[in-house]
Amino acid sequence: MRDRFRGFLPVVVDVETGGFNAATDALLEIAAVMIRIDSGGNLARGATFREHVRPFEGSRLDPASLAVNGIDPFHPLRIASTEGDALGAIFGEVRRAVREEQCTRAILVGHNASFDLGFLNAAVARAGIRRNPFHPFSCFDTATLAGVAYGQTVLSRASQAAGLEWDSGEAHSAAYDAERTADLFCIVCNQFRPIYEAGVARLAMAPPAEPPNPMLEPAPE
C-alpha cells in the first residue's frame, strides 16, 4: 500500500452531523473504513469502526439535519462518547493500520471529502488532540472520482453506476455511507489501474524527484 499512494494509507471517513458548519454544529457519528490491498495490487474494503458522539457543549443541532440522518442525540438508549474519546478510538485503529502497512500517515477518503475533513479537524481542535494520523488538508474525494469515471457525483447514483447495490433505508448512517464510499473508491482505483501503471512506467524514466515541500507534506505524526 505504501507504494500505491506515495506512503499514504487511504482511510474512508464519513460523519453525521447536526448541520453544515464544522465550527458550530455538532459531530454526532463518525465511521472509518480501512482499505486493503492484495498481492495483485487490487484494493478492497477492510474493517469498519464506528463511534456515536455526544454533541459538544453549546453546539448547534439543526432539526433539518437530524430529520435526514434520523439521529436523536439525547435518546436514553444511545451510547455515545465525547469527541475526544470517539476520535481517540478511531485514531487508534488508524494508527495501527498505518504501522501495519508501513505507511507514513493516513489520508482521508470521503464523498465530498472536504465536509468530512472539516468536521474531523474541527473536532480534533476542540478536543486538543495533538497526534492526528490524517493529513491535515489533502484528501481523496469519491464525488470527483465518480464524476470522472461515471458522470455521477451523488453517492447513491455513483454506487449504482459502479455496479453496487444501494439501500436507501440504510443511507445516512455513517457506517453504511462509509462502506459504500469505500467500495466505490476501490472499484474506481482498480478500474483506473492501467492508467496508474502507465504513470509508474513513465516516472521510472523521469529525472529524480525533488525533495518534498514540508509545507505541503507535513511530517508524519
N, C-alpha and C. Protein backbone atom coordinates (compact mmCIF):
# COMPACT_ATOMS: atom_id res chain seq x y z
N MET A 1 0.83 -1.21 0.00
CA MET A 1 0.00 0.00 0.00
C MET A 1 0.86 1.26 0.00
N ARG A 2 1.99 1.24 0.68
CA ARG A 2 2.80 2.45 0.78
C ARG A 2 3.31 2.90 -0.58
N ASP A 3 3.51 1.96 -1.51
CA ASP A 3 3.98 2.31 -2.85
C ASP A 3 2.83 2.80 -3.73
N ARG A 4 1.61 2.36 -3.44
CA ARG A 4 0.46 2.72 -4.29
C ARG A 4 0.09 4.19 -4.15
N PHE A 5 0.18 4.75 -2.93
CA PHE A 5 -0.26 6.12 -2.70
C PHE A 5 0.84 6.96 -2.04
N ARG A 6 2.08 6.78 -2.49
CA ARG A 6 3.20 7.62 -2.03
C ARG A 6 3.35 7.64 -0.52
N GLY A 7 3.15 6.51 0.10
CA GLY A 7 3.33 6.43 1.54
C GLY A 7 2.09 6.71 2.34
N PHE A 8 1.02 7.16 1.70
CA PHE A 8 -0.24 7.44 2.41
C PHE A 8 -1.11 6.18 2.47
N LEU A 9 -1.82 6.02 3.56
CA LEU A 9 -2.80 4.96 3.70
C LEU A 9 -4.20 5.57 3.55
N PRO A 10 -4.94 5.24 2.50
CA PRO A 10 -6.30 5.77 2.38
C PRO A 10 -7.23 5.14 3.41
N VAL A 11 -7.95 5.98 4.13
CA VAL A 11 -8.94 5.54 5.11
C VAL A 11 -10.22 6.31 4.83
N VAL A 12 -11.31 5.59 4.62
CA VAL A 12 -12.58 6.24 4.30
C VAL A 12 -13.25 6.71 5.59
N VAL A 13 -13.69 7.94 5.59
CA VAL A 13 -14.36 8.53 6.76
C VAL A 13 -15.69 9.13 6.34
N ASP A 14 -16.71 8.88 7.15
CA ASP A 14 -17.99 9.55 6.97
C ASP A 14 -18.47 10.05 8.32
N VAL A 15 -19.01 11.24 8.33
CA VAL A 15 -19.55 11.81 9.57
C VAL A 15 -21.02 12.14 9.38
N GLU A 16 -21.77 12.02 10.47
CA GLU A 16 -23.14 12.52 10.53
C GLU A 16 -23.14 13.65 11.55
N THR A 17 -23.82 14.73 11.22
CA THR A 17 -23.68 15.96 12.00
C THR A 17 -25.02 16.63 12.26
N GLY A 18 -24.95 17.67 13.07
CA GLY A 18 -26.15 18.45 13.36
C GLY A 18 -26.28 19.67 12.48
N GLY A 19 -25.56 19.72 11.38
CA GLY A 19 -25.62 20.86 10.47
C GLY A 19 -24.45 20.85 9.52
N PHE A 20 -24.17 21.99 8.89
CA PHE A 20 -23.14 22.08 7.87
C PHE A 20 -21.91 22.88 8.29
N ASN A 21 -21.97 23.52 9.44
CA ASN A 21 -20.86 24.36 9.90
C ASN A 21 -20.03 23.59 10.92
N ALA A 22 -18.81 23.24 10.55
CA ALA A 22 -17.97 22.42 11.42
C ALA A 22 -17.58 23.14 12.70
N ALA A 23 -17.60 24.47 12.68
CA ALA A 23 -17.20 25.23 13.87
C ALA A 23 -18.30 25.31 14.92
N THR A 24 -19.57 25.24 14.47
CA THR A 24 -20.67 25.48 15.40
C THR A 24 -21.61 24.29 15.56
N ASP A 25 -21.65 23.39 14.57
CA ASP A 25 -22.65 22.31 14.57
C ASP A 25 -22.05 21.01 15.10
N ALA A 26 -22.88 20.22 15.73
CA ALA A 26 -22.41 19.04 16.46
C ALA A 26 -21.96 17.91 15.52
N LEU A 27 -20.88 17.27 15.91
CA LEU A 27 -20.49 15.98 15.32
C LEU A 27 -21.22 14.90 16.10
N LEU A 28 -22.01 14.07 15.40
CA LEU A 28 -22.87 13.11 16.08
C LEU A 28 -22.46 11.66 15.87
N GLU A 29 -21.80 11.38 14.75
CA GLU A 29 -21.41 10.00 14.45
C GLU A 29 -20.23 10.05 13.49
N ILE A 30 -19.29 9.13 13.67
CA ILE A 30 -18.15 9.04 12.76
C ILE A 30 -17.84 7.58 12.51
N ALA A 31 -17.56 7.25 11.26
CA ALA A 31 -17.17 5.89 10.89
C ALA A 31 -15.92 5.96 10.04
N ALA A 32 -15.04 4.98 10.23
CA ALA A 32 -13.82 4.86 9.44
C ALA A 32 -13.75 3.45 8.87
N VAL A 33 -13.44 3.35 7.60
CA VAL A 33 -13.33 2.06 6.92
C VAL A 33 -11.91 1.92 6.36
N MET A 34 -11.26 0.85 6.71
CA MET A 34 -9.90 0.60 6.23
C MET A 34 -9.93 0.08 4.79
N ILE A 35 -8.87 0.34 4.08
CA ILE A 35 -8.71 -0.14 2.72
C ILE A 35 -7.53 -1.13 2.70
N ARG A 36 -7.77 -2.28 2.09
CA ARG A 36 -6.73 -3.32 1.98
C ARG A 36 -6.25 -3.41 0.54
N ILE A 37 -5.06 -3.96 0.36
CA ILE A 37 -4.54 -4.22 -0.98
C ILE A 37 -4.03 -5.66 -1.01
N ASP A 38 -4.38 -6.40 -2.06
CA ASP A 38 -3.95 -7.79 -2.14
C ASP A 38 -2.62 -7.91 -2.89
N SER A 39 -2.13 -9.12 -3.01
CA SER A 39 -0.83 -9.33 -3.63
C SER A 39 -0.82 -8.95 -5.11
N GLY A 40 -2.00 -8.90 -5.71
CA GLY A 40 -2.10 -8.49 -7.11
C GLY A 40 -2.27 -7.01 -7.31
N GLY A 41 -2.30 -6.24 -6.21
CA GLY A 41 -2.42 -4.79 -6.30
C GLY A 41 -3.84 -4.27 -6.35
N ASN A 42 -4.82 -5.14 -6.11
CA ASN A 42 -6.22 -4.72 -6.12
C ASN A 42 -6.66 -4.25 -4.73
N LEU A 43 -7.43 -3.17 -4.69
CA LEU A 43 -7.93 -2.62 -3.43
C LEU A 43 -9.26 -3.25 -3.06
N ALA A 44 -9.51 -3.38 -1.75
CA ALA A 44 -10.78 -3.92 -1.26
C ALA A 44 -11.09 -3.30 0.09
N ARG A 45 -12.38 -3.26 0.40
CA ARG A 45 -12.82 -2.71 1.69
C ARG A 45 -12.38 -3.61 2.84
N GLY A 46 -11.89 -2.99 3.92
CA GLY A 46 -11.49 -3.73 5.11
C GLY A 46 -12.46 -3.50 6.26
N ALA A 47 -11.94 -3.46 7.46
CA ALA A 47 -12.76 -3.37 8.67
C ALA A 47 -13.39 -1.99 8.82
N THR A 48 -14.56 -1.97 9.47
CA THR A 48 -15.28 -0.73 9.75
C THR A 48 -15.28 -0.46 11.24
N PHE A 49 -15.05 0.80 11.61
CA PHE A 49 -15.09 1.23 13.01
C PHE A 49 -16.01 2.44 13.10
N ARG A 50 -16.93 2.41 14.09
CA ARG A 50 -17.91 3.48 14.20
C ARG A 50 -18.03 3.92 15.65
N GLU A 51 -18.22 5.21 15.83
CA GLU A 51 -18.42 5.79 17.16
C GLU A 51 -19.59 6.77 17.12
N HIS A 52 -20.49 6.65 18.12
CA HIS A 52 -21.51 7.67 18.33
C HIS A 52 -20.91 8.76 19.21
N VAL A 53 -21.24 10.01 18.91
CA VAL A 53 -20.58 11.14 19.57
C VAL A 53 -21.62 12.02 20.26
N ARG A 54 -21.30 12.44 21.50
CA ARG A 54 -22.16 13.38 22.21
C ARG A 54 -21.93 14.79 21.67
N PRO A 55 -22.97 15.56 21.47
CA PRO A 55 -22.78 16.95 21.00
C PRO A 55 -21.91 17.73 21.97
N PHE A 56 -20.97 18.50 21.44
CA PHE A 56 -20.13 19.29 22.34
C PHE A 56 -20.95 20.43 22.94
N GLU A 57 -20.52 20.92 24.06
CA GLU A 57 -21.27 21.93 24.80
C GLU A 57 -21.47 23.19 23.95
N GLY A 58 -22.71 23.62 23.84
CA GLY A 58 -23.03 24.82 23.08
C GLY A 58 -23.17 24.59 21.59
N SER A 59 -23.10 23.34 21.16
CA SER A 59 -23.18 23.06 19.72
C SER A 59 -24.60 23.25 19.19
N ARG A 60 -24.69 23.48 17.92
CA ARG A 60 -25.97 23.69 17.25
C ARG A 60 -26.47 22.38 16.68
N LEU A 61 -27.78 22.15 16.78
CA LEU A 61 -28.43 20.97 16.22
C LEU A 61 -29.56 21.43 15.33
N ASP A 62 -29.34 21.36 14.03
CA ASP A 62 -30.33 21.80 13.06
C ASP A 62 -31.39 20.71 12.89
N PRO A 63 -32.66 21.00 13.17
CA PRO A 63 -33.71 19.98 13.02
C PRO A 63 -33.76 19.36 11.63
N ALA A 64 -33.46 20.14 10.60
CA ALA A 64 -33.48 19.60 9.24
C ALA A 64 -32.41 18.54 9.04
N SER A 65 -31.24 18.76 9.61
CA SER A 65 -30.16 17.76 9.51
C SER A 65 -30.51 16.51 10.28
N LEU A 66 -31.09 16.66 11.45
CA LEU A 66 -31.48 15.50 12.26
C LEU A 66 -32.59 14.70 11.57
N ALA A 67 -33.45 15.39 10.84
CA ALA A 67 -34.51 14.68 10.11
C ALA A 67 -33.91 13.81 9.00
N VAL A 68 -32.82 14.26 8.41
CA VAL A 68 -32.18 13.49 7.33
C VAL A 68 -31.45 12.28 7.88
N ASN A 69 -30.63 12.48 8.93
CA ASN A 69 -29.84 11.35 9.43
C ASN A 69 -30.57 10.49 10.46
N GLY A 70 -31.72 10.97 10.94
CA GLY A 70 -32.52 10.17 11.87
C GLY A 70 -31.93 9.98 13.24
N ILE A 71 -30.98 10.83 13.63
CA ILE A 71 -30.31 10.69 14.92
C ILE A 71 -31.04 11.51 15.98
N ASP A 72 -31.31 10.88 17.11
CA ASP A 72 -31.80 11.58 18.30
C ASP A 72 -30.62 11.66 19.26
N PRO A 73 -29.92 12.79 19.31
CA PRO A 73 -28.68 12.87 20.08
C PRO A 73 -28.84 12.57 21.56
N PHE A 74 -30.04 12.74 22.08
CA PHE A 74 -30.24 12.58 23.52
C PHE A 74 -31.15 11.40 23.86
N HIS A 75 -31.27 10.46 22.95
CA HIS A 75 -32.06 9.27 23.22
C HIS A 75 -31.44 8.51 24.39
N PRO A 76 -32.25 8.08 25.37
CA PRO A 76 -31.67 7.43 26.57
C PRO A 76 -30.92 6.14 26.28
N LEU A 77 -31.20 5.49 25.15
CA LEU A 77 -30.52 4.24 24.83
C LEU A 77 -29.33 4.45 23.89
N ARG A 78 -29.08 5.69 23.52
CA ARG A 78 -27.95 5.99 22.63
C ARG A 78 -26.67 6.09 23.46
N ILE A 79 -25.76 5.17 23.25
CA ILE A 79 -24.48 5.16 23.96
C ILE A 79 -23.48 5.94 23.13
N ALA A 80 -23.09 7.11 23.62
CA ALA A 80 -22.21 7.99 22.86
C ALA A 80 -21.03 8.44 23.72
N SER A 81 -19.96 8.79 23.04
CA SER A 81 -18.72 9.23 23.70
C SER A 81 -18.47 10.70 23.43
N THR A 82 -17.59 11.29 24.21
CA THR A 82 -17.15 12.65 23.91
C THR A 82 -16.38 12.64 22.60
N GLU A 83 -16.22 13.81 22.02
CA GLU A 83 -15.44 13.90 20.78
C GLU A 83 -14.04 13.34 20.98
N GLY A 84 -13.41 13.68 22.10
CA GLY A 84 -12.06 13.21 22.34
C GLY A 84 -11.96 11.70 22.43
N ASP A 85 -12.89 11.09 23.15
CA ASP A 85 -12.86 9.63 23.30
C ASP A 85 -13.20 8.94 21.98
N ALA A 86 -14.18 9.47 21.26
CA ALA A 86 -14.57 8.86 19.99
C ALA A 86 -13.43 8.92 18.98
N LEU A 87 -12.82 10.09 18.85
CA LEU A 87 -11.70 10.22 17.91
C LEU A 87 -10.51 9.41 18.38
N GLY A 88 -10.30 9.34 19.69
CA GLY A 88 -9.20 8.53 20.19
C GLY A 88 -9.33 7.08 19.80
N ALA A 89 -10.55 6.55 19.87
CA ALA A 89 -10.78 5.15 19.50
C ALA A 89 -10.55 4.94 18.00
N ILE A 90 -11.09 5.85 17.18
CA ILE A 90 -10.92 5.75 15.73
C ILE A 90 -9.44 5.92 15.36
N PHE A 91 -8.79 6.91 15.94
CA PHE A 91 -7.39 7.18 15.59
C PHE A 91 -6.48 6.03 15.99
N GLY A 92 -6.82 5.35 17.08
CA GLY A 92 -6.01 4.20 17.48
C GLY A 92 -6.02 3.11 16.41
N GLU A 93 -7.18 2.86 15.83
CA GLU A 93 -7.28 1.86 14.77
C GLU A 93 -6.56 2.32 13.51
N VAL A 94 -6.65 3.60 13.21
CA VAL A 94 -5.99 4.14 12.02
C VAL A 94 -4.48 4.05 12.19
N ARG A 95 -3.96 4.42 13.34
CA ARG A 95 -2.51 4.34 13.56
C ARG A 95 -2.02 2.91 13.44
N ARG A 96 -2.79 1.97 13.96
CA ARG A 96 -2.40 0.56 13.86
C ARG A 96 -2.30 0.14 12.39
N ALA A 97 -3.28 0.55 11.59
CA ALA A 97 -3.26 0.19 10.17
C ALA A 97 -2.10 0.87 9.44
N VAL A 98 -1.80 2.11 9.80
CA VAL A 98 -0.67 2.81 9.18
C VAL A 98 0.63 2.05 9.46
N ARG A 99 0.80 1.61 10.71
CA ARG A 99 2.02 0.85 11.05
C ARG A 99 2.06 -0.48 10.30
N GLU A 100 0.95 -1.19 10.27
CA GLU A 100 0.93 -2.50 9.62
C GLU A 100 1.23 -2.40 8.12
N GLU A 101 0.78 -1.32 7.50
CA GLU A 101 1.01 -1.15 6.06
C GLU A 101 2.32 -0.42 5.78
N GLN A 102 3.05 -0.06 6.85
CA GLN A 102 4.34 0.63 6.73
C GLN A 102 4.20 1.94 5.95
N CYS A 103 3.10 2.64 6.20
CA CYS A 103 2.88 3.94 5.58
C CYS A 103 3.36 5.06 6.51
N THR A 104 3.40 6.27 5.98
CA THR A 104 3.84 7.41 6.79
C THR A 104 2.69 8.04 7.56
N ARG A 105 1.51 8.10 6.95
CA ARG A 105 0.34 8.63 7.63
C ARG A 105 -0.90 8.27 6.82
N ALA A 106 -2.07 8.56 7.38
CA ALA A 106 -3.33 8.28 6.70
C ALA A 106 -3.76 9.49 5.88
N ILE A 107 -4.56 9.22 4.84
CA ILE A 107 -5.18 10.28 4.07
C ILE A 107 -6.67 9.98 3.98
N LEU A 108 -7.49 10.98 4.27
CA LEU A 108 -8.93 10.78 4.33
C LEU A 108 -9.52 10.61 2.93
N VAL A 109 -10.36 9.61 2.80
CA VAL A 109 -11.17 9.40 1.61
C VAL A 109 -12.62 9.67 2.01
N GLY A 110 -13.32 10.49 1.25
CA GLY A 110 -14.71 10.78 1.59
C GLY A 110 -15.50 11.15 0.35
N HIS A 111 -16.81 11.10 0.48
CA HIS A 111 -17.68 11.56 -0.60
C HIS A 111 -18.06 12.99 -0.27
N ASN A 112 -17.56 13.94 -1.09
CA ASN A 112 -17.50 15.35 -0.71
C ASN A 112 -16.60 15.46 0.53
N ALA A 113 -15.35 15.08 0.32
CA ALA A 113 -14.42 14.82 1.43
C ALA A 113 -14.11 16.06 2.25
N SER A 114 -14.20 17.24 1.67
CA SER A 114 -13.88 18.44 2.44
C SER A 114 -14.84 18.62 3.61
N PHE A 115 -16.07 18.16 3.45
CA PHE A 115 -17.05 18.24 4.55
C PHE A 115 -16.59 17.37 5.72
N ASP A 116 -16.26 16.11 5.43
CA ASP A 116 -15.83 15.19 6.50
C ASP A 116 -14.52 15.64 7.12
N LEU A 117 -13.57 16.09 6.30
CA LEU A 117 -12.28 16.52 6.82
C LEU A 117 -12.45 17.78 7.67
N GLY A 118 -13.35 18.67 7.26
CA GLY A 118 -13.58 19.87 8.04
C GLY A 118 -14.13 19.57 9.42
N PHE A 119 -15.11 18.66 9.51
CA PHE A 119 -15.65 18.29 10.82
C PHE A 119 -14.63 17.52 11.65
N LEU A 120 -13.84 16.68 10.99
CA LEU A 120 -12.80 15.94 11.71
C LEU A 120 -11.78 16.90 12.31
N ASN A 121 -11.29 17.83 11.51
CA ASN A 121 -10.27 18.76 12.01
C ASN A 121 -10.83 19.67 13.10
N ALA A 122 -12.09 20.07 12.97
CA ALA A 122 -12.69 20.93 14.00
C ALA A 122 -12.81 20.18 15.32
N ALA A 123 -13.22 18.92 15.26
CA ALA A 123 -13.33 18.12 16.49
C ALA A 123 -11.96 17.86 17.11
N VAL A 124 -10.96 17.64 16.26
CA VAL A 124 -9.59 17.45 16.75
C VAL A 124 -9.13 18.69 17.53
N ALA A 125 -9.41 19.85 16.98
CA ALA A 125 -9.01 21.10 17.64
C ALA A 125 -9.75 21.29 18.96
N ARG A 126 -11.06 21.03 18.97
CA ARG A 126 -11.83 21.20 20.21
C ARG A 126 -11.35 20.25 21.30
N ALA A 127 -11.00 19.02 20.89
CA ALA A 127 -10.60 18.01 21.87
C ALA A 127 -9.14 18.16 22.28
N GLY A 128 -8.40 19.03 21.61
CA GLY A 128 -6.99 19.22 21.95
C GLY A 128 -6.13 18.01 21.61
N ILE A 129 -6.50 17.29 20.55
CA ILE A 129 -5.73 16.11 20.14
C ILE A 129 -4.51 16.57 19.36
N ARG A 130 -3.34 16.13 19.81
CA ARG A 130 -2.09 16.57 19.18
C ARG A 130 -1.59 15.59 18.13
N ARG A 131 -1.98 14.33 18.21
CA ARG A 131 -1.49 13.33 17.27
C ARG A 131 -2.63 12.87 16.37
N ASN A 132 -2.82 13.62 15.30
CA ASN A 132 -3.86 13.29 14.32
C ASN A 132 -3.19 12.48 13.21
N PRO A 133 -3.60 11.23 12.99
CA PRO A 133 -2.92 10.41 11.98
C PRO A 133 -3.23 10.81 10.54
N PHE A 134 -4.24 11.67 10.34
CA PHE A 134 -4.64 12.05 8.99
C PHE A 134 -3.86 13.28 8.51
N HIS A 135 -3.60 13.31 7.21
CA HIS A 135 -3.05 14.52 6.60
C HIS A 135 -4.03 15.66 6.86
N PRO A 136 -3.53 16.85 7.25
CA PRO A 136 -4.45 17.91 7.69
C PRO A 136 -5.28 18.55 6.59
N PHE A 137 -4.86 18.45 5.31
CA PHE A 137 -5.67 19.10 4.28
C PHE A 137 -5.79 18.31 2.97
N SER A 138 -4.93 17.37 2.70
CA SER A 138 -5.07 16.57 1.49
C SER A 138 -6.10 15.47 1.71
N CYS A 139 -6.80 15.09 0.65
CA CYS A 139 -7.82 14.04 0.75
C CYS A 139 -8.13 13.49 -0.64
N PHE A 140 -8.81 12.37 -0.69
CA PHE A 140 -9.34 11.81 -1.93
C PHE A 140 -10.86 11.93 -1.88
N ASP A 141 -11.45 12.50 -2.92
CA ASP A 141 -12.89 12.75 -2.95
C ASP A 141 -13.54 11.82 -3.98
N THR A 142 -14.39 10.92 -3.51
CA THR A 142 -15.05 10.00 -4.44
C THR A 142 -16.13 10.68 -5.27
N ALA A 143 -16.62 11.85 -4.84
CA ALA A 143 -17.55 12.58 -5.70
C ALA A 143 -16.83 13.00 -6.99
N THR A 144 -15.59 13.44 -6.86
CA THR A 144 -14.79 13.80 -8.03
C THR A 144 -14.45 12.57 -8.86
N LEU A 145 -13.97 11.52 -8.18
CA LEU A 145 -13.59 10.30 -8.90
C LEU A 145 -14.78 9.71 -9.66
N ALA A 146 -15.95 9.66 -9.01
CA ALA A 146 -17.13 9.10 -9.66
C ALA A 146 -17.63 9.99 -10.78
N GLY A 147 -17.47 11.31 -10.63
CA GLY A 147 -17.84 12.21 -11.70
C GLY A 147 -17.01 11.98 -12.95
N VAL A 148 -15.72 11.74 -12.75
CA VAL A 148 -14.84 11.46 -13.88
C VAL A 148 -15.15 10.09 -14.48
N ALA A 149 -15.32 9.09 -13.61
CA ALA A 149 -15.48 7.71 -14.08
C ALA A 149 -16.87 7.43 -14.63
N TYR A 150 -17.91 7.95 -13.98
CA TYR A 150 -19.27 7.56 -14.32
C TYR A 150 -20.20 8.72 -14.66
N GLY A 151 -19.71 9.94 -14.50
CA GLY A 151 -20.58 11.09 -14.75
C GLY A 151 -21.60 11.31 -13.65
N GLN A 152 -21.38 10.72 -12.47
CA GLN A 152 -22.31 10.84 -11.34
C GLN A 152 -21.54 11.32 -10.11
N THR A 153 -22.14 12.28 -9.39
CA THR A 153 -21.49 12.80 -8.18
C THR A 153 -22.27 12.52 -6.91
N VAL A 154 -23.54 12.13 -7.01
CA VAL A 154 -24.32 11.75 -5.84
C VAL A 154 -23.97 10.31 -5.47
N LEU A 155 -23.75 10.04 -4.19
CA LEU A 155 -23.24 8.74 -3.77
C LEU A 155 -24.14 7.60 -4.21
N SER A 156 -25.45 7.75 -4.07
CA SER A 156 -26.35 6.66 -4.44
C SER A 156 -26.26 6.34 -5.93
N ARG A 157 -26.28 7.36 -6.76
CA ARG A 157 -26.22 7.15 -8.21
C ARG A 157 -24.85 6.66 -8.65
N ALA A 158 -23.81 7.20 -8.05
CA ALA A 158 -22.47 6.76 -8.38
C ALA A 158 -22.26 5.30 -8.00
N SER A 159 -22.80 4.89 -6.85
CA SER A 159 -22.68 3.50 -6.42
C SER A 159 -23.39 2.58 -7.40
N GLN A 160 -24.58 2.95 -7.81
CA GLN A 160 -25.32 2.13 -8.76
C GLN A 160 -24.63 2.08 -10.11
N ALA A 161 -24.05 3.20 -10.54
CA ALA A 161 -23.33 3.23 -11.81
C ALA A 161 -22.10 2.31 -11.76
N ALA A 162 -21.52 2.15 -10.56
CA ALA A 162 -20.35 1.30 -10.39
C ALA A 162 -20.72 -0.17 -10.21
N GLY A 163 -22.03 -0.47 -10.20
CA GLY A 163 -22.48 -1.85 -10.06
C GLY A 163 -22.74 -2.28 -8.64
N LEU A 164 -22.82 -1.32 -7.71
CA LEU A 164 -23.07 -1.63 -6.30
C LEU A 164 -24.56 -1.52 -6.00
N GLU A 165 -25.01 -2.29 -5.01
CA GLU A 165 -26.38 -2.15 -4.54
C GLU A 165 -26.47 -0.93 -3.62
N TRP A 166 -27.66 -0.32 -3.58
CA TRP A 166 -27.88 0.84 -2.72
C TRP A 166 -29.16 0.66 -1.95
N ASP A 167 -29.09 0.75 -0.63
CA ASP A 167 -30.24 0.61 0.25
C ASP A 167 -30.56 1.97 0.84
N SER A 168 -31.58 2.62 0.33
CA SER A 168 -31.92 3.97 0.80
C SER A 168 -32.34 3.97 2.26
N GLY A 169 -32.80 2.82 2.76
CA GLY A 169 -33.19 2.73 4.16
C GLY A 169 -32.00 2.76 5.10
N GLU A 170 -30.82 2.36 4.61
CA GLU A 170 -29.61 2.36 5.43
C GLU A 170 -28.79 3.63 5.24
N ALA A 171 -29.09 4.40 4.20
CA ALA A 171 -28.31 5.59 3.88
C ALA A 171 -28.40 6.62 5.02
N HIS A 172 -27.38 7.46 5.10
CA HIS A 172 -27.23 8.49 6.12
C HIS A 172 -26.89 7.91 7.49
N SER A 173 -26.48 6.66 7.51
CA SER A 173 -25.75 6.11 8.65
C SER A 173 -24.28 6.23 8.31
N ALA A 174 -23.46 6.69 9.26
CA ALA A 174 -22.05 6.90 8.97
C ALA A 174 -21.39 5.62 8.49
N ALA A 175 -21.70 4.49 9.13
CA ALA A 175 -21.08 3.23 8.75
C ALA A 175 -21.48 2.80 7.34
N TYR A 176 -22.78 2.88 7.04
CA TYR A 176 -23.24 2.46 5.72
C TYR A 176 -22.65 3.35 4.62
N ASP A 177 -22.72 4.65 4.80
CA ASP A 177 -22.21 5.57 3.78
C ASP A 177 -20.70 5.40 3.60
N ALA A 178 -19.99 5.18 4.71
CA ALA A 178 -18.53 4.99 4.61
C ALA A 178 -18.20 3.70 3.87
N GLU A 179 -18.97 2.64 4.11
CA GLU A 179 -18.70 1.38 3.42
C GLU A 179 -19.00 1.47 1.94
N ARG A 180 -20.10 2.15 1.57
CA ARG A 180 -20.39 2.33 0.14
C ARG A 180 -19.32 3.21 -0.51
N THR A 181 -18.88 4.23 0.21
CA THR A 181 -17.81 5.09 -0.32
C THR A 181 -16.53 4.30 -0.50
N ALA A 182 -16.22 3.41 0.45
CA ALA A 182 -15.02 2.58 0.33
C ALA A 182 -15.11 1.66 -0.88
N ASP A 183 -16.27 1.04 -1.06
CA ASP A 183 -16.45 0.15 -2.22
C ASP A 183 -16.28 0.94 -3.53
N LEU A 184 -16.86 2.13 -3.57
CA LEU A 184 -16.76 2.96 -4.77
C LEU A 184 -15.32 3.35 -5.04
N PHE A 185 -14.62 3.76 -4.01
CA PHE A 185 -13.20 4.14 -4.14
C PHE A 185 -12.38 2.98 -4.69
N CYS A 186 -12.59 1.80 -4.14
CA CYS A 186 -11.82 0.63 -4.58
C CYS A 186 -12.12 0.28 -6.03
N ILE A 187 -13.40 0.32 -6.41
CA ILE A 187 -13.76 -0.02 -7.79
C ILE A 187 -13.12 0.94 -8.77
N VAL A 188 -13.21 2.25 -8.48
CA VAL A 188 -12.63 3.24 -9.39
C VAL A 188 -11.11 3.06 -9.48
N CYS A 189 -10.45 2.91 -8.34
CA CYS A 189 -8.99 2.74 -8.35
C CYS A 189 -8.59 1.48 -9.11
N ASN A 190 -9.32 0.40 -8.91
CA ASN A 190 -8.98 -0.85 -9.61
C ASN A 190 -9.21 -0.72 -11.12
N GLN A 191 -10.28 -0.02 -11.51
CA GLN A 191 -10.54 0.16 -12.94
C GLN A 191 -9.54 1.13 -13.58
N PHE A 192 -9.01 2.05 -12.79
CA PHE A 192 -8.02 3.01 -13.30
C PHE A 192 -6.59 2.45 -13.22
N ARG A 193 -6.45 1.21 -12.82
CA ARG A 193 -5.11 0.67 -12.61
C ARG A 193 -4.21 0.74 -13.85
N PRO A 194 -4.72 0.49 -15.07
CA PRO A 194 -3.84 0.64 -16.24
C PRO A 194 -3.27 2.06 -16.37
N ILE A 195 -4.05 3.07 -16.02
CA ILE A 195 -3.56 4.45 -16.06
C ILE A 195 -2.46 4.63 -15.02
N TYR A 196 -2.68 4.09 -13.81
CA TYR A 196 -1.68 4.17 -12.75
C TYR A 196 -0.38 3.50 -13.17
N GLU A 197 -0.48 2.30 -13.73
CA GLU A 197 0.71 1.55 -14.12
C GLU A 197 1.47 2.24 -15.26
N ALA A 198 0.74 2.88 -16.16
CA ALA A 198 1.41 3.63 -17.22
C ALA A 198 2.17 4.82 -16.64
N GLY A 199 1.59 5.47 -15.64
CA GLY A 199 2.28 6.58 -14.98
C GLY A 199 3.52 6.13 -14.26
N VAL A 200 3.44 4.99 -13.58
CA VAL A 200 4.61 4.45 -12.89
C VAL A 200 5.74 4.18 -13.88
N ALA A 201 5.41 3.63 -15.03
CA ALA A 201 6.42 3.34 -16.05
C ALA A 201 7.08 4.61 -16.56
N ARG A 202 6.28 5.66 -16.78
CA ARG A 202 6.85 6.93 -17.26
C ARG A 202 7.75 7.56 -16.21
N LEU A 203 7.31 7.51 -14.95
CA LEU A 203 8.12 8.11 -13.88
C LEU A 203 9.44 7.37 -13.68
N ALA A 204 9.45 6.08 -13.98
CA ALA A 204 10.69 5.31 -13.83
C ALA A 204 11.77 5.83 -14.77
N MET A 205 11.37 6.48 -15.85
CA MET A 205 12.33 7.01 -16.82
C MET A 205 12.54 8.51 -16.65
N ALA A 206 11.85 9.13 -15.71
CA ALA A 206 11.94 10.57 -15.49
C ALA A 206 13.12 10.89 -14.57
N PRO A 207 13.57 12.16 -14.55
CA PRO A 207 14.64 12.56 -13.62
C PRO A 207 14.20 12.34 -12.18
N PRO A 208 15.14 12.21 -11.25
CA PRO A 208 14.78 12.02 -9.84
C PRO A 208 13.89 13.15 -9.33
N ALA A 209 12.97 12.80 -8.47
CA ALA A 209 12.05 13.79 -7.92
C ALA A 209 12.77 14.70 -6.95
N GLU A 210 12.29 15.95 -6.86
CA GLU A 210 12.84 16.89 -5.88
C GLU A 210 12.36 16.51 -4.48
N PRO A 211 13.11 16.90 -3.44
CA PRO A 211 12.65 16.61 -2.07
C PRO A 211 11.26 17.20 -1.83
N PRO A 212 10.42 16.54 -1.04
CA PRO A 212 9.06 17.06 -0.81
C PRO A 212 9.09 18.39 -0.07
N ASN A 213 8.11 19.23 -0.36
CA ASN A 213 7.96 20.51 0.32
C ASN A 213 7.33 20.26 1.70
N PRO A 214 8.05 20.59 2.79
CA PRO A 214 7.48 20.29 4.11
C PRO A 214 6.22 21.09 4.42
N MET A 215 5.99 22.20 3.70
CA MET A 215 4.77 22.97 3.92
C MET A 215 3.57 22.27 3.30
N LEU A 216 3.81 21.49 2.21
CA LEU A 216 2.72 20.80 1.55
C LEU A 216 2.56 19.37 2.03
N GLU A 217 3.63 18.77 2.54
CA GLU A 217 3.59 17.39 3.01
C GLU A 217 4.13 17.34 4.42
N PRO A 218 3.31 17.69 5.42
CA PRO A 218 3.75 17.69 6.81
C PRO A 218 4.33 16.35 7.22
N ALA A 219 5.28 16.40 8.13
CA ALA A 219 5.91 15.17 8.61
C ALA A 219 4.87 14.29 9.27
N PRO A 220 5.04 12.96 9.20
CA PRO A 220 4.08 12.06 9.84
C PRO A 220 4.05 12.25 11.34
N GLU A 221 2.86 11.97 11.93
CA GLU A 221 2.72 12.09 13.38
C GLU A 221 3.49 11.01 14.09
